[in-house]
Amino acid sequence: MYDALEAVRDELKSLQALLAANDAASRVRRIAGAFEQAIQHISDRTRECADEAHRARLQTLYRGLLAGRRLVERLHELPNPGEAAAL
């Protein structure tokens, strides 16, 4: 479920430096893609889930990963993104 995110873990740990790098756009796309893979996997699992409590937990994960992806993308869009990440 989280394999794609594991692949970008180190980049997420150094997000401030990543956002300031010359190749930030491609790296942010890679991170957003990793979030999207995890989001899609959770969405698929949620549709298959019969247990309401488990479904609710999966929906919480879904919303959290969606917010994480949006946050990385938004920080990249800000002026001086390397500085914005320090907030």
Protein backbone atom coordinates (compact mmCIF):
# COMPACT_ATOMS: atom_id res chain seq x y z
CA MET A 1 0.00 0.00 0.00
CA TYR A 2 2.79 2.42 0.87
CA ASP A 3 5.55 1.14 -1.44
CA ALA A 4 5.38 4.22 -3.67
CA LEU A 5 5.68 6.52 -0.66
CA GLU A 6 8.60 4.52 0.70
CA ALA A 7 10.39 5.22 -2.58
CA VAL A 8 10.17 9.00 -1.98
CA ARG A 9 10.61 8.96 1.80
CA ASP A 10 14.09 10.51 1.75
CA GLU A 11 12.91 13.31 -0.53
CA LEU A 12 10.03 14.04 1.82
CA LYS A 13 12.47 14.21 4.74
CA SER A 14 14.38 16.97 2.93
CA LEU A 15 11.35 18.73 1.46
CA GLN A 16 12.71 22.23 2.06
CA ALA A 17 15.86 21.52 0.05
CA LEU A 18 13.87 19.70 -2.61
CA LEU A 19 11.55 22.68 -3.12
CA ALA A 20 14.54 24.98 -3.61
CA ALA A 21 16.32 22.67 -6.07
CA ASN A 22 16.52 23.38 -9.80
CA ASP A 23 14.73 20.12 -10.59
CA ALA A 24 11.98 20.67 -8.00
CA ALA A 25 9.13 20.44 -10.53
CA SER A 26 10.01 16.92 -11.64
CA ARG A 27 10.70 15.78 -8.10
CA VAL A 28 7.38 17.21 -6.85
CA ARG A 29 5.60 15.39 -9.71
CA ARG A 30 7.30 12.17 -8.60
CA ILE A 31 6.21 12.69 -4.99
CA ALA A 32 2.66 13.62 -6.05
CA GLY A 33 2.58 10.47 -8.17
CA ALA A 34 3.64 8.38 -5.20
CA PHE A 35 0.87 9.91 -3.10
CA GLU A 36 -1.59 9.26 -5.94
CA GLN A 37 -0.62 5.58 -6.13
CA ALA A 38 -1.20 5.17 -2.39
CA ILE A 39 -4.46 7.13 -2.59
CA GLN A 40 -5.72 4.94 -5.43
CA HIS A 41 -4.80 1.77 -3.55
CA ILE A 42 -6.67 2.94 -0.45
CA SER A 43 -9.65 3.96 -2.57
CA ASP A 44 -9.76 0.49 -4.11
CA ARG A 45 -9.52 -1.16 -0.70
CA THR A 46 -12.27 1.09 0.67
CA ARG A 47 -14.69 0.02 -2.07
CA GLU A 48 -13.96 -3.64 -1.27
CA CYS A 49 -14.33 -3.22 2.49
CA ALA A 50 -17.49 -4.54 4.15
CA ASP A 51 -16.63 -3.54 7.74
CA GLU A 52 -17.82 0.02 8.48
CA ALA A 53 -15.18 0.72 11.13
CA HIS A 54 -12.38 -0.41 8.83
CA ARG A 55 -13.89 1.60 5.97
CA ALA A 56 -13.89 4.72 8.17
CA ARG A 57 -10.20 4.21 9.00
CA LEU A 58 -9.38 3.79 5.31
CA GLN A 59 -11.31 6.96 4.50
CA THR A 60 -9.29 8.83 7.12
CA LEU A 61 -6.06 7.57 5.53
CA TYR A 62 -7.38 8.56 2.11
CA ARG A 63 -8.10 12.12 3.21
CA GLY A 64 -4.75 12.42 4.98
CA LEU A 65 -2.77 11.26 1.94
CA LEU A 66 -4.79 13.54 -0.31
CA ALA A 67 -3.99 16.47 2.00
CA GLY A 68 -0.29 15.48 2.01
CA ARG A 69 -0.19 15.49 -1.79
CA ARG A 70 -1.94 18.85 -1.97
CA LEU A 71 0.40 20.32 0.61
CA VAL A 72 3.54 19.32 -1.30
CA GLU A 73 2.07 20.66 -4.54
CA ARG A 74 0.98 23.93 -2.91
CA LEU A 75 4.35 24.51 -1.27
CA HIS A 76 5.96 24.06 -4.67
CA GLU A 77 3.63 26.70 -6.17
CA LEU A 78 4.50 29.35 -3.57
CA PRO A 79 7.10 32.02 -4.30
CA ASN A 80 10.44 31.11 -2.74
CA PRO A 81 9.27 27.55 -2.03
CA GLY A 82 12.50 26.63 -0.25
CA GLU A 83 11.72 29.25 2.38
CA ALA A 84 8.01 28.43 2.57
CA ALA A 85 8.76 24.81 3.50
CA ALA A 86 10.44 26.00 6.70
CA LEU A 87 7.07 27.18 8.05
